[in-house]
Amino acid sequence: MLIIPLGLEQSRGDQILNAKAFQEKGYALTLEEENLNDQRLKELLDKLYENKDVIQKSMENSHQGNALQTLVHEINHSSYVT
């Protein structure tokens, strides 16, 4: 995936940190909003396509498990559920 987080002018920076975490794990590429232009977007989309097998393998090798099961578990065991 290609992540384009909101810049610090429009957010608290959490989108930037999340995008960085996904990129560091090899799941995505990040395009900073301030660097967004036609040429850079095309470059990164091409790079994603060229590296799709590597990215998919990184996600398959993740120790995160099944995201849906994790979310359901967290919701069911949350102190906010009444």
PDB file of N, CA and C in Angstrom:
ATOM      1  N   MET A   1       0.831  -1.181   0.000  1.00  0.00           N
ATOM      2  CA  MET A   1       0.000   0.000   0.000  1.00  0.00           C
ATOM      3  C   MET A   1       0.873   1.241   0.000  1.00  0.00           C
ATOM      4  N   LEU A   2       0.313   2.301  -0.481  1.00  0.00           N
ATOM      5  CA  LEU A   2       0.974   3.602  -0.455  1.00  0.00           C
ATOM      6  C   LEU A   2       0.214   4.462   0.535  1.00  0.00           C
ATOM      7  N   ILE A   3       0.907   4.928   1.542  1.00  0.00           N
ATOM      8  CA  ILE A   3       0.284   5.737   2.583  1.00  0.00           C
ATOM      9  C   ILE A   3       0.685   7.193   2.383  1.00  0.00           C
ATOM     10  N   ILE A   4      -0.307   8.064   2.374  1.00  0.00           N
ATOM     11  CA  ILE A   4      -0.078   9.503   2.263  1.00  0.00           C
ATOM     12  C   ILE A   4      -0.690  10.149   3.509  1.00  0.00           C
ATOM     13  N   PRO A   5       0.095  10.245   4.591  1.00  0.00           N
ATOM     14  CA  PRO A   5      -0.448  10.793   5.830  1.00  0.00           C
ATOM     15  C   PRO A   5      -0.629  12.299   5.755  1.00  0.00           C
ATOM     16  N   LEU A   6      -1.585  12.790   6.519  1.00  0.00           N
ATOM     17  CA  LEU A   6      -1.748  14.236   6.661  1.00  0.00           C
ATOM     18  C   LEU A   6      -0.485  14.806   7.295  1.00  0.00           C
ATOM     19  N   GLY A   7      -0.128  15.999   6.909  1.00  0.00           N
ATOM     20  CA  GLY A   7       1.039  16.664   7.481  1.00  0.00           C
ATOM     21  C   GLY A   7       0.762  17.205   8.873  1.00  0.00           C
ATOM     22  N   LEU A   8       1.781  17.716   9.505  1.00  0.00           N
ATOM     23  CA  LEU A   8       1.646  18.239  10.868  1.00  0.00           C
ATOM     24  C   LEU A   8       0.734  19.458  10.949  1.00  0.00           C
ATOM     25  N   GLU A   9       0.546  20.135   9.827  1.00  0.00           N
ATOM     26  CA  GLU A   9      -0.331  21.302   9.827  1.00  0.00           C
ATOM     27  C   GLU A   9      -1.789  20.899  10.023  1.00  0.00           C
ATOM     28  N   GLN A  10      -2.138  19.664   9.636  1.00  0.00           N
ATOM     29  CA  GLN A  10      -3.525  19.214   9.692  1.00  0.00           C
ATOM     30  C   GLN A  10      -3.764  18.089  10.687  1.00  0.00           C
ATOM     31  N   SER A  11      -2.726  17.601  11.335  1.00  0.00           N
ATOM     32  CA  SER A  11      -2.903  16.487  12.263  1.00  0.00           C
ATOM     33  C   SER A  11      -1.929  16.610  13.423  1.00  0.00           C
ATOM     34  N   ARG A  12      -2.069  15.694  14.355  1.00  0.00           N
ATOM     35  CA  ARG A  12      -1.177  15.660  15.527  1.00  0.00           C
ATOM     36  C   ARG A  12       0.143  14.954  15.216  1.00  0.00           C
ATOM     37  N   GLY A  13       0.224  14.360  14.028  1.00  0.00           N
ATOM     38  CA  GLY A  13       1.432  13.629  13.672  1.00  0.00           C
ATOM     39  C   GLY A  13       1.294  12.128  13.805  1.00  0.00           C
ATOM     40  N   ASP A  14       0.157  11.658  14.322  1.00  0.00           N
ATOM     41  CA  ASP A  14      -0.021  10.223  14.506  1.00  0.00           C
ATOM     42  C   ASP A  14      -0.077   9.481  13.172  1.00  0.00           C
ATOM     43  N   GLN A  15      -0.632  10.097  12.138  1.00  0.00           N
ATOM     44  CA  GLN A  15      -0.664   9.447  10.827  1.00  0.00           C
ATOM     45  C   GLN A  15       0.757   9.274  10.277  1.00  0.00           C
ATOM     46  N   ILE A  16       1.603  10.239  10.524  1.00  0.00           N
ATOM     47  CA  ILE A  16       2.997  10.152  10.073  1.00  0.00           C
ATOM     48  C   ILE A  16       3.710   9.012  10.793  1.00  0.00           C
ATOM     49  N   LEU A  17       3.501   8.904  12.087  1.00  0.00           N
ATOM     50  CA  LEU A  17       4.131   7.830  12.866  1.00  0.00           C
ATOM     51  C   LEU A  17       3.617   6.461  12.444  1.00  0.00           C
ATOM     52  N   ASN A  18       2.313   6.349  12.212  1.00  0.00           N
ATOM     53  CA  ASN A  18       1.752   5.071  11.774  1.00  0.00           C
ATOM     54  C   ASN A  18       2.291   4.680  10.399  1.00  0.00           C
ATOM     55  N   ALA A  19       2.365   5.637   9.494  1.00  0.00           N
ATOM     56  CA  ALA A  19       2.887   5.368   8.154  1.00  0.00           C
ATOM     57  C   ALA A  19       4.342   4.898   8.240  1.00  0.00           C
ATOM     58  N   LYS A  20       5.117   5.549   9.088  1.00  0.00           N
ATOM     59  CA  LYS A  20       6.521   5.178   9.260  1.00  0.00           C
ATOM     60  C   LYS A  20       6.639   3.747   9.790  1.00  0.00           C
ATOM     61  N   ALA A  21       5.776   3.389  10.727  1.00  0.00           N
ATOM     62  CA  ALA A  21       5.809   2.032  11.290  1.00  0.00           C
ATOM     63  C   ALA A  21       5.492   0.987  10.228  1.00  0.00           C
ATOM     64  N   PHE A  22       4.488   1.249   9.387  1.00  0.00           N
ATOM     65  CA  PHE A  22       4.149   0.312   8.319  1.00  0.00           C
ATOM     66  C   PHE A  22       5.294   0.200   7.319  1.00  0.00           C
ATOM     67  N   GLN A  23       5.924   1.314   6.999  1.00  0.00           N
ATOM     68  CA  GLN A  23       7.031   1.288   6.048  1.00  0.00           C
ATOM     69  C   GLN A  23       8.222   0.543   6.629  1.00  0.00           C
ATOM     70  N   GLU A  24       8.545   0.780   7.887  1.00  0.00           N
ATOM     71  CA  GLU A  24       9.691   0.107   8.506  1.00  0.00           C
ATOM     72  C   GLU A  24       9.506  -1.402   8.555  1.00  0.00           C
ATOM     73  N   LYS A  25       8.261  -1.858   8.658  1.00  0.00           N
ATOM     74  CA  LYS A  25       7.987  -3.295   8.683  1.00  0.00           C
ATOM     75  C   LYS A  25       7.944  -3.888   7.279  1.00  0.00           C
ATOM     76  N   GLY A  26       8.031  -3.030   6.267  1.00  0.00           N
ATOM     77  CA  GLY A  26       8.038  -3.501   4.892  1.00  0.00           C
ATOM     78  C   GLY A  26       6.665  -3.731   4.308  1.00  0.00           C
ATOM     79  N   TYR A  27       5.629  -3.158   4.923  1.00  0.00           N
ATOM     80  CA  TYR A  27       4.255  -3.357   4.471  1.00  0.00           C
ATOM     81  C   TYR A  27       3.796  -2.285   3.498  1.00  0.00           C
ATOM     82  N   ALA A  28       4.495  -1.179   3.402  1.00  0.00           N
ATOM     83  CA  ALA A  28       3.991  -0.042   2.637  1.00  0.00           C
ATOM     84  C   ALA A  28       5.124   0.907   2.285  1.00  0.00           C
ATOM     85  N   LEU A  29       4.790   1.842   1.413  1.00  0.00           N
ATOM     86  CA  LEU A  29       5.651   2.990   1.146  1.00  0.00           C
ATOM     87  C   LEU A  29       4.895   4.223   1.609  1.00  0.00           C
ATOM     88  N   THR A  30       5.636   5.249   1.959  1.00  0.00           N
ATOM     89  CA  THR A  30       5.033   6.483   2.453  1.00  0.00           C
ATOM     90  C   THR A  30       5.383   7.636   1.527  1.00  0.00           C
ATOM     91  N   LEU A  31       4.395   8.434   1.238  1.00  0.00           N
ATOM     92  CA  LEU A  31       4.579   9.659   0.466  1.00  0.00           C
ATOM     93  C   LEU A  31       4.090  10.810   1.333  1.00  0.00           C
ATOM     94  N   GLU A  32       5.010  11.645   1.774  1.00  0.00           N
ATOM     95  CA  GLU A  32       4.639  12.771   2.617  1.00  0.00           C
ATOM     96  C   GLU A  32       3.777  13.737   1.814  1.00  0.00           C
ATOM     97  N   GLU A  33       2.764  14.250   2.457  1.00  0.00           N
ATOM     98  CA  GLU A  33       1.818  15.135   1.778  1.00  0.00           C
ATOM     99  C   GLU A  33       2.509  16.315   1.107  1.00  0.00           C
ATOM    100  N   GLU A  34       3.510  16.876   1.755  1.00  0.00           N
ATOM    101  CA  GLU A  34       4.203  18.036   1.186  1.00  0.00           C
ATOM    102  C   GLU A  34       5.032  17.677  -0.048  1.00  0.00           C
ATOM    103  N   ASN A  35       5.303  16.371  -0.256  1.00  0.00           N
ATOM    104  CA  ASN A  35       6.052  15.914  -1.425  1.00  0.00           C
ATOM    105  C   ASN A  35       5.154  15.313  -2.504  1.00  0.00           C
ATOM    106  N   LEU A  36       3.865  15.418  -2.305  1.00  0.00           N
ATOM    107  CA  LEU A  36       2.911  14.836  -3.242  1.00  0.00           C
ATOM    108  C   LEU A  36       2.833  15.649  -4.529  1.00  0.00           C
ATOM    109  N   ASN A  37       3.209  15.006  -5.623  1.00  0.00           N
ATOM    110  CA  ASN A  37       3.038  15.582  -6.955  1.00  0.00           C
ATOM    111  C   ASN A  37       2.902  14.413  -7.928  1.00  0.00           C
ATOM    112  N   ASP A  38       2.534  14.715  -9.156  1.00  0.00           N
ATOM    113  CA  ASP A  38       2.284  13.657 -10.142  1.00  0.00           C
ATOM    114  C   ASP A  38       3.481  12.733 -10.323  1.00  0.00           C
ATOM    115  N   GLN A  39       4.662  13.321 -10.453  1.00  0.00           N
ATOM    116  CA  GLN A  39       5.864  12.534 -10.713  1.00  0.00           C
ATOM    117  C   GLN A  39       6.186  11.612  -9.544  1.00  0.00           C
ATOM    118  N   ARG A  40       6.168  12.144  -8.324  1.00  0.00           N
ATOM    119  CA  ARG A  40       6.518  11.333  -7.150  1.00  0.00           C
ATOM    120  C   ARG A  40       5.483  10.231  -6.918  1.00  0.00           C
ATOM    121  N   LEU A  41       4.214  10.548  -7.134  1.00  0.00           N
ATOM    122  CA  LEU A  41       3.161   9.548  -6.981  1.00  0.00           C
ATOM    123  C   LEU A  41       3.388   8.398  -7.957  1.00  0.00           C
ATOM    124  N   LYS A  42       3.657   8.725  -9.210  1.00  0.00           N
ATOM    125  CA  LYS A  42       3.905   7.682 -10.220  1.00  0.00           C
ATOM    126  C   LYS A  42       5.139   6.859  -9.863  1.00  0.00           C
ATOM    127  N   GLU A  43       6.204   7.510  -9.415  1.00  0.00           N
ATOM    128  CA  GLU A  43       7.419   6.792  -9.027  1.00  0.00           C
ATOM    129  C   GLU A  43       7.136   5.764  -7.941  1.00  0.00           C
ATOM    130  N   LEU A  44       6.394   6.184  -6.924  1.00  0.00           N
ATOM    131  CA  LEU A  44       6.132   5.278  -5.811  1.00  0.00           C
ATOM    132  C   LEU A  44       5.154   4.182  -6.189  1.00  0.00           C
ATOM    133  N   LEU A  45       4.174   4.479  -7.025  1.00  0.00           N
ATOM    134  CA  LEU A  45       3.260   3.434  -7.486  1.00  0.00           C
ATOM    135  C   LEU A  45       4.015   2.398  -8.317  1.00  0.00           C
ATOM    136  N   ASP A  46       4.940   2.861  -9.164  1.00  0.00           N
ATOM    137  CA  ASP A  46       5.779   1.938  -9.925  1.00  0.00           C
ATOM    138  C   ASP A  46       6.631   1.083  -8.990  1.00  0.00           C
ATOM    139  N   LYS A  47       7.194   1.710  -7.977  1.00  0.00           N
ATOM    140  CA  LYS A  47       8.026   0.986  -7.009  1.00  0.00           C
ATOM    141  C   LYS A  47       7.205  -0.052  -6.249  1.00  0.00           C
ATOM    142  N   LEU A  48       5.980   0.308  -5.883  1.00  0.00           N
ATOM    143  CA  LEU A  48       5.107  -0.655  -5.223  1.00  0.00           C
ATOM    144  C   LEU A  48       4.856  -1.863  -6.113  1.00  0.00           C
ATOM    145  N   TYR A  49       4.553  -1.596  -7.367  1.00  0.00           N
ATOM    146  CA  TYR A  49       4.284  -2.683  -8.301  1.00  0.00           C
ATOM    147  C   TYR A  49       5.509  -3.583  -8.463  1.00  0.00           C
ATOM    148  N   GLU A  50       6.671  -2.978  -8.588  1.00  0.00           N
ATOM    149  CA  GLU A  50       7.909  -3.739  -8.759  1.00  0.00           C
ATOM    150  C   GLU A  50       8.226  -4.590  -7.530  1.00  0.00           C
ATOM    151  N   ASN A  51       7.833  -4.116  -6.354  1.00  0.00           N
ATOM    152  CA  ASN A  51       8.181  -4.791  -5.098  1.00  0.00           C
ATOM    153  C   ASN A  51       6.993  -5.471  -4.433  1.00  0.00           C
ATOM    154  N   LYS A  52       5.912  -5.679  -5.181  1.00  0.00           N
ATOM    155  CA  LYS A  52       4.699  -6.217  -4.569  1.00  0.00           C
ATOM    156  C   LYS A  52       4.927  -7.580  -3.923  1.00  0.00           C
ATOM    157  N   ASP A  53       5.746  -8.425  -4.526  1.00  0.00           N
ATOM    158  CA  ASP A  53       5.990  -9.742  -3.952  1.00  0.00           C
ATOM    159  C   ASP A  53       6.725  -9.644  -2.614  1.00  0.00           C
ATOM    160  N   VAL A  54       7.685  -8.745  -2.530  1.00  0.00           N
ATOM    161  CA  VAL A  54       8.442  -8.544  -1.293  1.00  0.00           C
ATOM    162  C   VAL A  54       7.520  -8.001  -0.197  1.00  0.00           C
ATOM    163  N   ILE A  55       6.675  -7.051  -0.550  1.00  0.00           N
ATOM    164  CA  ILE A  55       5.751  -6.455   0.421  1.00  0.00           C
ATOM    165  C   ILE A  55       4.750  -7.495   0.905  1.00  0.00           C
ATOM    166  N   GLN A  56       4.203  -8.271  -0.024  1.00  0.00           N
ATOM    167  CA  GLN A  56       3.251  -9.314   0.363  1.00  0.00           C
ATOM    168  C   GLN A  56       3.908 -10.338   1.276  1.00  0.00           C
ATOM    169  N   LYS A  57       5.140 -10.698   0.983  1.00  0.00           N
ATOM    170  CA  LYS A  57       5.863 -11.668   1.813  1.00  0.00           C
ATOM    171  C   LYS A  57       6.102 -11.100   3.217  1.00  0.00           C
ATOM    172  N   SER A  58       6.423  -9.814   3.296  1.00  0.00           N
ATOM    173  CA  SER A  58       6.612  -9.171   4.607  1.00  0.00           C
ATOM    174  C   SER A  58       5.339  -9.252   5.434  1.00  0.00           C
ATOM    175  N   MET A  59       4.207  -9.020   4.785  1.00  0.00           N
ATOM    176  CA  MET A  59       2.932  -9.073   5.493  1.00  0.00           C
ATOM    177  C   MET A  59       2.590 -10.506   5.904  1.00  0.00           C
ATOM    178  N   GLU A  60       2.872 -11.471   5.020  1.00  0.00           N
ATOM    179  CA  GLU A  60       2.614 -12.873   5.350  1.00  0.00           C
ATOM    180  C   GLU A  60       3.460 -13.334   6.522  1.00  0.00           C
ATOM    181  N   ASN A  61       4.680 -12.841   6.612  1.00  0.00           N
ATOM    182  CA  ASN A  61       5.603 -13.238   7.676  1.00  0.00           C
ATOM    183  C   ASN A  61       5.384 -12.475   8.973  1.00  0.00           C
ATOM    184  N   SER A  62       4.439 -11.576   8.977  1.00  0.00           N
ATOM    185  CA  SER A  62       4.152 -10.787  10.171  1.00  0.00           C
ATOM    186  C   SER A  62       3.689 -11.694  11.309  1.00  0.00           C
ATOM    187  N   HIS A  63       4.061 -11.341  12.477  1.00  0.00           N
ATOM    188  CA  HIS A  63       3.622 -12.073  13.665  1.00  0.00           C
ATOM    189  C   HIS A  63       2.394 -11.417  14.280  1.00  0.00           C
ATOM    190  N   GLN A  64       1.739 -10.554  13.514  1.00  0.00           N
ATOM    191  CA  GLN A  64       0.575  -9.837  14.017  1.00  0.00           C
ATOM    192  C   GLN A  64      -0.655 -10.736  14.097  1.00  0.00           C
ATOM    193  N   GLY A  65      -0.710 -11.775  13.306  1.00  0.00           N
ATOM    194  CA  GLY A  65      -1.856 -12.669  13.331  1.00  0.00           C
ATOM    195  C   GLY A  65      -3.026 -12.116  12.544  1.00  0.00           C
ATOM    196  N   ASN A  66      -4.173 -12.673  12.798  1.00  0.00           N
ATOM    197  CA  ASN A  66      -5.387 -12.290  12.108  1.00  0.00           C
ATOM    198  C   ASN A  66      -5.934 -11.010  12.715  1.00  0.00           C
ATOM    199  N   ALA A  67      -5.932  -9.933  11.950  1.00  0.00           N
ATOM    200  CA  ALA A  67      -6.349  -8.627  12.465  1.00  0.00           C
ATOM    201  C   ALA A  67      -7.793  -8.630  12.907  1.00  0.00           C
ATOM    202  N   LEU A  68      -8.674  -9.280  12.165  1.00  0.00           N
ATOM    203  CA  LEU A  68     -10.087  -9.310  12.531  1.00  0.00           C
ATOM    204  C   LEU A  68     -10.285 -10.015  13.864  1.00  0.00           C
ATOM    205  N   GLN A  69      -9.642 -11.145  14.051  1.00  0.00           N
ATOM    206  CA  GLN A  69      -9.759 -11.856  15.324  1.00  0.00           C
ATOM    207  C   GLN A  69      -9.209 -11.017  16.478  1.00  0.00           C
ATOM    208  N   THR A  70      -8.114 -10.326  16.241  1.00  0.00           N
ATOM    209  CA  THR A  70      -7.533  -9.471  17.270  1.00  0.00           C
ATOM    210  C   THR A  70      -8.487  -8.347  17.654  1.00  0.00           C
ATOM    211  N   LEU A  71      -9.100  -7.702  16.657  1.00  0.00           N
ATOM    212  CA  LEU A  71     -10.048  -6.617  16.934  1.00  0.00           C
ATOM    213  C   LEU A  71     -11.264  -7.117  17.696  1.00  0.00           C
ATOM    214  N   VAL A  72     -11.826  -8.228  17.268  1.00  0.00           N
ATOM    215  CA  VAL A  72     -13.002  -8.785  17.957  1.00  0.00           C
ATOM    216  C   VAL A  72     -12.649  -9.117  19.397  1.00  0.00           C
ATOM    217  N   HIS A  73     -11.502  -9.707  19.604  1.00  0.00           N
ATOM    218  CA  HIS A  73     -11.066 -10.028  20.964  1.00  0.00           C
ATOM    219  C   HIS A  73     -10.936  -8.772  21.814  1.00  0.00           C
ATOM    220  N   GLU A  74     -10.298  -7.753  21.261  1.00  0.00           N
ATOM    221  CA  GLU A  74     -10.114  -6.505  22.007  1.00  0.00           C
ATOM    222  C   GLU A  74     -11.457  -5.844  22.336  1.00  0.00           C
ATOM    223  N   ILE A  75     -12.361  -5.857  21.392  1.00  0.00           N
ATOM    224  CA  ILE A  75     -13.682  -5.260  21.630  1.00  0.00           C
ATOM    225  C   ILE A  75     -14.429  -6.042  22.711  1.00  0.00           C
ATOM    226  N   ASN A  76     -14.390  -7.353  22.631  1.00  0.00           N
ATOM    227  CA  ASN A  76     -15.113  -8.184  23.598  1.00  0.00           C
ATOM    228  C   ASN A  76     -14.525  -8.111  24.995  1.00  0.00           C
ATOM    229  N   HIS A  77     -13.269  -7.782  25.100  1.00  0.00           N
ATOM    230  CA  HIS A  77     -12.617  -7.729  26.405  1.00  0.00           C
ATOM    231  C   HIS A  77     -12.301  -6.307  26.857  1.00  0.00           C
ATOM    232  N   SER A  78     -12.881  -5.361  26.193  1.00  0.00           N
ATOM    233  CA  SER A  78     -12.652  -3.964  26.524  1.00  0.00           C
ATOM    234  C   SER A  78     -13.501  -3.561  27.729  1.00  0.00           C
ATOM    235  N   SER A  79     -12.952  -2.686  28.545  1.00  0.00           N
ATOM    236  CA  SER A  79     -13.709  -2.184  29.696  1.00  0.00           C
ATOM    237  C   SER A  79     -14.792  -1.198  29.266  1.00  0.00           C
ATOM    238  N   TYR A  80     -14.798  -0.795  28.002  1.00  0.00           N
ATOM    239  CA  TYR A  80     -15.788   0.138  27.496  1.00  0.00           C
ATOM    240  C   TYR A  80     -17.070  -0.551  27.052  1.00  0.00           C
ATOM    241  N   VAL A  81     -17.006  -1.876  26.862  1.00  0.00           N
ATOM    242  CA  VAL A  81     -18.183  -2.622  26.419  1.00  0.00           C
ATOM    243  C   VAL A  81     -19.097  -2.812  27.615  1.00  0.00           C
ATOM    244  N   THR A  82     -20.365  -2.472  27.432  1.00  0.00           N
ATOM    245  CA  THR A  82     -21.299  -2.634  28.548  1.00  0.00           C
ATOM    246  C   THR A  82     -22.283  -3.738  28.290  1.00  0.00           C
TER     247      THR A  82
END
